[in-house]
Amino acid sequence: MHIAVALSGGVDSLMSLILLRETGARIMAVHARFLTAGDDSLADRLGNLCTDLGVPFHLVDLRLEFEERVVTPFIQAYQRGLTPNPCAACNPAMKFGLLMDRVLDLGADRLATGHYVRLEQTAEGPTLYRGLDPTKDQSYFLSRVPLARFALTLFPLAGWTKVKVRQALAARGLTPPADQESQEICFINTNYREFLQQRKVLLSGPGPIALADGTVLGRHAGLWNHTLGQRKGLGVAYSEPLYVTGKDVPTNTLVVGPRPEALSTGCRTDAPNLLAKPGTWPAQVLVQTIYRQQPEPAAIELDDDGMTITFARPRPLPAPGQVAAVYAPDGQILAGATILNGIHHET
């Protein structure tokens, strides 16, 4: 078997390469360049490292495709008043999409990455689970990758923790060329507001801040500046703390309300990416609607257009554009879908 290892420059992908190399597997390293304003010298440093390790190195330029399939949809989502999740979009479109296609063209049989997630190949097909390290588990971001792609994937760090990875590389005398934690959004160096302004994106301007009954309390500087559940920075005075509870894009109104109005009993999604047949799902499933959130019990109704998710207890309003990932209690990932809207809690 010929394995291509996606080498980003960080500790996780380098450790994945080292682990596979130490098994005697036939491997190649592949670095995908996604960012137009990226580190021009990183590919050279990675190539030199691979030469020292005796591993063939390939550079794959996907900058135009990344701009088209990840960055542009991210911008368009903000223009529509959504809160997009570009990492969840990048995995199916780029890493396990175009990059996987390229490494297969280079003669590889599998693509290995440094994601902290566990994959089991069974008689029924690939099955995906949370990784061992709960602080680095990345299964949420992989929930929208088509199941067939995991038949061609390896995750060497499934049983590792970040601490152990760093210790293991140090013990081998290896330092990754880009030894730093990944940014939350790789193509944004500051924050998304500055990024959108730097791109001169046409965004909504000032508009009213109002309660659900239409009472206007103040003015906002643009819907894109705010997220559902936001409490600070609203700039309005009221008898109790206020939270962002909605965005009325047609009227450019930021809707706010007290905490009970910022809670949700569920959400509606688009058609899910199924990673396990619904007939095999356990009676109790868990749902996670944002990264670094603990999945909690929920009931799910599937139809031809998507999922209706009902939470076991009220939770913060899910943001349209984010991902709802469905899990079994043992950590198996069952499905992933994009949230269309949250269902407000009736007080």
Protein backbone atom coordinates (compact mmCIF):
# COMPACT_ATOMS: atom_id res chain seq x y z
CA MET A 1 0.00 0.00 0.00
CA HIS A 2 1.26 3.46 -0.93
CA ILE A 3 0.28 6.14 1.63
CA ALA A 4 0.32 9.90 1.09
CA VAL A 5 0.68 11.93 4.28
CA ALA A 6 -0.79 15.44 4.22
CA LEU A 7 2.03 17.48 5.73
CA SER A 8 0.99 20.93 6.96
CA GLY A 9 4.18 21.86 8.80
CA GLY A 10 2.85 21.33 12.32
CA VAL A 11 3.46 18.68 14.95
CA ASP A 12 0.39 16.56 14.21
CA SER A 13 1.00 15.87 10.55
CA LEU A 14 4.73 15.37 11.11
CA MET A 15 4.08 12.80 13.84
CA SER A 16 1.63 11.02 11.55
CA LEU A 17 4.34 10.78 8.90
CA ILE A 18 6.93 9.53 11.41
CA LEU A 19 4.60 6.86 12.80
CA LEU A 20 3.85 5.50 9.34
CA ARG A 21 7.51 5.68 8.32
CA GLU A 22 8.50 3.68 11.40
CA THR A 23 6.11 0.88 10.41
CA GLY A 24 8.04 0.49 7.17
CA ALA A 25 5.09 1.60 5.08
CA ARG A 26 5.70 3.03 1.63
CA ILE A 27 4.92 6.72 2.05
CA MET A 28 5.11 10.07 0.34
CA ALA A 29 4.59 13.53 1.85
CA VAL A 30 2.18 15.97 0.24
CA HIS A 31 1.88 19.64 1.17
CA ALA A 32 -1.21 21.42 -0.09
CA ARG A 33 -0.83 25.15 -0.50
CA PHE A 34 -4.21 26.73 0.20
CA LEU A 35 -3.36 30.30 1.17
CA THR A 36 -2.49 33.03 -1.31
CA ALA A 37 -0.75 35.00 1.45
CA GLY A 38 0.86 31.98 3.05
CA ASP A 39 4.45 31.32 4.10
CA ASP A 40 6.34 31.04 0.82
CA SER A 41 9.31 29.34 2.48
CA LEU A 42 7.30 26.65 4.30
CA ALA A 43 7.19 24.30 1.31
CA ASP A 44 10.98 24.56 0.96
CA ARG A 45 11.50 23.78 4.63
CA LEU A 46 9.13 20.82 4.42
CA GLY A 47 10.90 19.57 1.30
CA ASN A 48 14.27 19.76 3.06
CA LEU A 49 12.89 17.92 6.09
CA CYS A 50 11.50 15.15 3.89
CA THR A 51 14.82 14.86 2.09
CA ASP A 52 16.53 14.35 5.47
CA LEU A 53 13.94 11.69 6.33
CA GLY A 54 14.23 9.99 2.94
CA VAL A 55 10.57 10.59 2.09
CA PRO A 56 9.43 11.75 -1.38
CA PHE A 57 7.82 15.20 -1.21
CA HIS A 58 5.14 16.72 -3.43
CA LEU A 59 3.74 20.26 -3.42
CA VAL A 60 0.13 20.63 -4.54
CA ASP A 61 -1.05 24.15 -5.37
CA LEU A 62 -4.75 24.52 -4.54
CA ARG A 63 -4.85 28.25 -3.85
CA LEU A 64 -7.37 29.13 -6.54
CA GLU A 65 -9.64 26.24 -5.62
CA PHE A 66 -9.46 27.12 -1.92
CA GLU A 67 -10.45 30.69 -2.65
CA GLU A 68 -13.35 29.50 -4.77
CA ARG A 69 -14.65 26.69 -2.57
CA VAL A 70 -13.91 27.92 0.97
CA VAL A 71 -13.12 31.64 1.18
CA THR A 72 -15.76 32.92 -1.24
CA PRO A 73 -18.62 30.88 0.33
CA PHE A 74 -17.44 32.12 3.75
CA ILE A 75 -17.78 35.72 2.61
CA GLN A 76 -21.13 35.10 0.92
CA ALA A 77 -22.49 33.47 4.07
CA TYR A 78 -21.71 36.55 6.14
CA GLN A 79 -23.42 38.69 3.53
CA ARG A 80 -26.54 36.57 4.06
CA GLY A 81 -26.40 37.05 7.84
CA LEU A 82 -25.11 33.54 8.58
CA THR A 83 -22.27 32.35 10.82
CA PRO A 84 -20.28 30.04 8.54
CA ASN A 85 -17.90 27.26 9.57
CA PRO A 86 -15.12 27.27 6.96
CA CYS A 87 -13.19 24.38 8.55
CA ALA A 88 -16.19 22.07 8.24
CA ALA A 89 -16.52 23.18 4.60
CA CYS A 90 -12.81 22.76 3.84
CA ASN A 91 -12.60 19.11 4.85
CA PRO A 92 -15.09 17.67 2.33
CA ALA A 93 -14.24 20.16 -0.42
CA MET A 94 -10.46 20.38 -0.11
CA LYS A 95 -8.58 18.02 2.21
CA PHE A 96 -10.71 14.95 1.57
CA GLY A 97 -11.90 16.27 -1.77
CA LEU A 98 -9.45 17.84 -4.21
CA LEU A 99 -6.31 16.98 -2.22
CA MET A 100 -7.32 13.34 -1.93
CA ASP A 101 -8.03 13.26 -5.66
CA ARG A 102 -4.55 14.67 -6.35
CA VAL A 103 -2.73 12.13 -4.18
CA LEU A 104 -4.63 9.30 -5.81
CA ASP A 105 -3.46 10.67 -9.16
CA LEU A 106 0.10 10.62 -7.79
CA GLY A 107 -0.25 6.88 -7.19
CA ALA A 108 -1.23 6.78 -3.53
CA ASP A 109 -3.79 4.30 -2.22
CA ARG A 110 -4.58 6.15 1.01
CA LEU A 111 -4.38 9.65 2.45
CA ALA A 112 -3.19 10.03 6.05
CA THR A 113 -3.73 13.23 8.05
CA GLY A 114 -2.94 14.48 11.54
CA HIS A 115 -6.54 14.73 12.70
CA TYR A 116 -7.30 13.50 16.20
CA VAL A 117 -10.09 11.10 15.33
CA ARG A 118 -10.48 7.33 15.30
CA LEU A 119 -11.41 5.37 12.19
CA GLU A 120 -12.35 1.70 12.02
CA GLN A 121 -12.65 -0.17 8.74
CA THR A 122 -15.42 -2.77 9.19
CA ALA A 123 -17.20 -5.26 6.95
CA GLU A 124 -20.03 -2.70 6.70
CA GLY A 125 -17.63 0.09 5.76
CA PRO A 126 -15.65 2.79 7.57
CA THR A 127 -16.82 3.91 11.02
CA LEU A 128 -15.67 7.19 12.54
CA TYR A 129 -15.26 7.92 16.27
CA ARG A 130 -13.98 10.71 18.47
CA GLY A 131 -10.23 10.74 19.06
CA LEU A 132 -8.61 9.84 22.37
CA ASP A 133 -7.64 13.43 23.23
CA PRO A 134 -10.87 15.25 24.20
CA THR A 135 -9.15 18.64 24.00
CA LYS A 136 -8.10 18.08 20.37
CA ASP A 137 -10.86 15.86 19.00
CA GLN A 138 -11.68 17.03 15.48
CA SER A 139 -14.55 14.73 14.60
CA TYR A 140 -17.01 17.66 14.60
CA PHE A 141 -15.18 19.18 11.61
CA LEU A 142 -15.18 15.87 9.74
CA SER A 143 -18.88 15.15 10.08
CA ARG A 144 -19.67 16.47 6.60
CA VAL A 145 -17.03 14.42 4.77
CA PRO A 146 -18.71 11.75 2.59
CA LEU A 147 -18.47 8.27 4.09
CA ALA A 148 -16.81 6.79 0.99
CA ARG A 149 -13.81 9.06 1.48
CA PHE A 150 -12.99 7.46 4.82
CA ALA A 151 -12.43 4.13 3.08
CA LEU A 152 -9.32 5.81 1.62
CA THR A 153 -8.18 7.56 4.81
CA LEU A 154 -5.83 6.87 7.73
CA PHE A 155 -5.65 8.75 11.04
CA PRO A 156 -2.41 7.70 12.78
CA LEU A 157 -3.06 9.93 15.83
CA ALA A 158 -6.33 8.24 16.80
CA GLY A 159 -4.92 6.93 20.07
CA TRP A 160 -2.59 9.84 20.81
CA THR A 161 -2.83 13.04 22.82
CA LYS A 162 -1.23 16.33 21.84
CA VAL A 163 1.11 16.16 24.84
CA LYS A 164 2.32 12.69 23.87
CA VAL A 165 2.85 13.79 20.26
CA ARG A 166 5.09 16.68 21.30
CA GLN A 167 7.04 14.44 23.67
CA ALA A 168 7.49 11.76 21.01
CA LEU A 169 8.80 14.24 18.43
CA ALA A 170 11.18 15.77 20.97
CA ALA A 171 12.48 12.32 21.86
CA ARG A 172 13.29 11.78 18.16
CA GLY A 173 15.01 15.16 17.93
CA LEU A 174 12.48 16.50 15.44
CA THR A 175 11.12 20.02 15.24
CA PRO A 176 8.31 20.76 12.77
CA PRO A 177 8.88 23.70 10.38
CA ALA A 178 5.72 25.46 11.59
CA ASP A 179 5.71 24.58 15.29
CA GLN A 180 2.66 26.54 16.31
CA GLU A 181 -0.98 25.90 17.00
CA SER A 182 -3.26 26.27 14.00
CA GLN A 183 -5.38 29.39 13.84
CA GLU A 184 -9.09 28.92 14.34
CA ILE A 185 -9.60 29.97 10.71
CA CYS A 186 -6.41 29.45 8.72
CA PHE A 187 -6.95 32.27 6.22
CA ILE A 188 -7.73 34.94 8.85
CA ASN A 189 -4.76 36.39 10.73
CA THR A 190 -6.70 38.86 12.90
CA ASN A 191 -10.47 38.41 13.25
CA TYR A 192 -13.25 37.89 10.76
CA ARG A 193 -14.46 41.50 11.00
CA GLU A 194 -11.08 42.91 9.98
CA PHE A 195 -10.75 40.23 7.30
CA LEU A 196 -14.08 41.19 5.71
CA GLN A 197 -13.17 44.88 5.84
CA GLN A 198 -9.74 44.23 4.32
CA ARG A 199 -11.43 42.34 1.48
CA LYS A 200 -13.72 45.34 0.95
CA VAL A 201 -16.71 43.02 1.13
CA LEU A 202 -20.08 44.70 0.57
CA LEU A 203 -21.86 44.14 3.87
CA SER A 204 -25.00 45.36 5.59
CA GLY A 205 -24.77 48.83 7.09
CA PRO A 206 -26.28 50.31 10.25
CA GLY A 207 -29.78 49.35 11.26
CA PRO A 208 -32.13 49.09 14.23
CA ILE A 209 -31.63 46.99 17.34
CA ALA A 210 -35.06 45.88 18.47
CA LEU A 211 -36.89 43.56 20.83
CA ALA A 212 -39.01 40.75 19.41
CA ASP A 213 -42.12 42.96 19.71
CA GLY A 214 -40.52 45.60 17.48
CA THR A 215 -39.48 48.05 20.19
CA VAL A 216 -36.36 49.80 18.91
CA LEU A 217 -33.61 50.17 21.53
CA GLY A 218 -30.72 51.46 19.48
CA ARG A 219 -28.64 51.06 16.33
CA HIS A 220 -26.14 48.46 15.19
CA ALA A 221 -23.19 49.00 12.83
CA GLY A 222 -23.95 45.96 10.66
CA LEU A 223 -25.55 42.56 11.24
CA TRP A 224 -22.29 40.84 10.33
CA ASN A 225 -20.69 42.31 13.47
CA HIS A 226 -22.91 40.18 15.71
CA THR A 227 -23.51 36.52 16.48
CA LEU A 228 -26.45 34.71 18.03
CA GLY A 229 -26.22 34.56 21.80
CA GLN A 230 -23.89 37.57 21.96
CA ARG A 231 -24.30 39.58 25.15
CA LYS A 232 -21.46 42.11 25.26
CA GLY A 233 -20.94 44.99 22.88
CA LEU A 234 -24.57 45.67 21.99
CA GLY A 235 -24.42 49.27 23.18
CA VAL A 236 -28.01 49.47 24.41
CA ALA A 237 -29.37 49.97 27.90
CA TYR A 238 -32.19 47.83 29.27
CA SER A 239 -33.63 46.66 32.57
CA GLU A 240 -31.89 43.28 32.27
CA PRO A 241 -29.02 41.80 30.24
CA LEU A 242 -29.84 41.39 26.56
CA TYR A 243 -28.64 38.78 24.07
CA VAL A 244 -28.74 38.60 20.30
CA THR A 245 -31.67 36.33 19.48
CA GLY A 246 -31.96 36.81 15.73
CA LYS A 247 -31.09 38.69 12.56
CA ASP A 248 -33.87 39.96 10.33
CA VAL A 249 -31.87 40.36 7.12
CA PRO A 250 -34.67 41.84 4.93
CA THR A 251 -35.18 44.72 7.37
CA ASN A 252 -31.54 44.79 8.54
CA THR A 253 -32.75 44.48 12.15
CA LEU A 254 -30.72 42.96 14.98
CA VAL A 255 -33.20 41.25 17.30
CA VAL A 256 -32.31 41.10 20.99
CA GLY A 257 -34.00 39.83 24.12
CA PRO A 258 -33.47 38.59 27.69
CA ARG A 259 -31.72 35.27 28.30
CA PRO A 260 -34.81 33.02 28.01
CA GLU A 261 -35.29 34.27 24.45
CA ALA A 262 -31.69 33.31 23.63
CA LEU A 263 -32.41 29.66 24.41
CA SER A 264 -33.50 27.04 21.94
CA THR A 265 -35.41 23.78 22.00
CA GLY A 266 -33.83 22.56 18.78
CA CYS A 267 -32.90 23.38 15.22
CA ARG A 268 -33.54 22.55 11.60
CA THR A 269 -30.74 21.45 9.23
CA ASP A 270 -30.23 20.77 5.56
CA ALA A 271 -29.90 17.23 4.23
CA PRO A 272 -27.37 15.44 6.45
CA ASN A 273 -24.18 13.71 5.45
CA LEU A 274 -24.87 10.24 6.83
CA LEU A 275 -21.91 8.38 8.31
CA ALA A 276 -24.07 5.52 9.62
CA LYS A 277 -27.42 4.24 8.37
CA PRO A 278 -30.24 5.76 10.46
CA GLY A 279 -31.65 2.29 11.06
CA THR A 280 -28.47 1.42 12.98
CA TRP A 281 -28.52 4.52 15.21
CA PRO A 282 -28.93 3.90 18.93
CA ALA A 283 -32.14 4.89 20.68
CA GLN A 284 -30.33 7.78 22.39
CA VAL A 285 -28.21 10.13 20.27
CA LEU A 286 -26.22 13.23 21.17
CA VAL A 287 -25.94 16.44 19.18
CA GLN A 288 -23.19 19.07 19.09
CA THR A 289 -23.95 22.40 17.39
CA ILE A 290 -20.65 24.23 17.84
CA TYR A 291 -17.00 23.26 18.28
CA ARG A 292 -15.81 22.84 21.89
CA GLN A 293 -19.36 22.17 23.01
CA GLN A 294 -20.21 18.95 24.78
CA PRO A 295 -22.75 16.95 22.77
CA GLU A 296 -26.04 16.54 24.61
CA PRO A 297 -29.07 14.25 24.23
CA ALA A 298 -31.51 15.12 21.47
CA ALA A 299 -34.28 13.56 19.39
CA ILE A 300 -33.99 13.60 15.61
CA GLU A 301 -36.60 13.40 12.87
CA LEU A 302 -35.21 12.74 9.40
CA ASP A 303 -37.05 13.63 6.20
CA ASP A 304 -36.13 14.11 2.55
CA ASP A 305 -34.91 17.66 3.09
CA GLY A 306 -33.03 17.49 6.37
CA MET A 307 -33.21 16.93 10.11
CA THR A 308 -35.42 18.40 12.81
CA ILE A 309 -33.45 18.23 16.05
CA THR A 310 -35.16 18.58 19.41
CA PHE A 311 -32.91 19.10 22.41
CA ALA A 312 -33.58 17.22 25.66
CA ARG A 313 -33.24 20.55 27.48
CA PRO A 314 -33.05 24.18 26.28
CA ARG A 315 -29.65 25.20 24.95
CA PRO A 316 -28.15 28.39 23.49
CA LEU A 317 -29.59 29.21 20.08
CA PRO A 318 -27.65 27.41 17.33
CA ALA A 319 -26.29 29.74 14.67
CA PRO A 320 -27.44 29.22 11.07
CA GLY A 321 -24.39 28.24 9.02
CA GLN A 322 -22.78 26.20 11.78
CA VAL A 323 -22.72 22.39 11.83
CA ALA A 324 -24.91 20.01 13.80
CA ALA A 325 -22.96 16.80 14.40
CA VAL A 326 -24.81 13.70 15.60
CA TYR A 327 -23.04 11.16 17.85
CA ALA A 328 -23.74 7.85 19.49
CA PRO A 329 -22.99 7.71 23.24
CA ASP A 330 -19.80 5.71 22.51
CA GLY A 331 -18.43 8.56 20.38
CA GLN A 332 -19.32 7.24 16.94
CA ILE A 333 -20.12 10.02 14.48
CA LEU A 334 -23.48 9.30 12.87
CA ALA A 335 -24.14 12.36 10.73
CA GLY A 336 -23.35 16.00 10.10
CA ALA A 337 -25.44 18.78 8.58
CA THR A 338 -25.54 22.56 8.25
CA ILE A 339 -27.92 24.38 10.58
CA LEU A 340 -30.63 26.37 8.80
CA ASN A 341 -32.31 27.89 11.84
CA GLY A 342 -32.74 27.51 15.57
CA ILE A 343 -36.08 26.86 17.22
CA HIS A 344 -36.75 29.45 19.91
CA HIS A 345 -37.57 28.31 23.42
CA GLU A 346 -41.13 29.23 24.38
CA THR A 347 -41.08 31.08 27.70
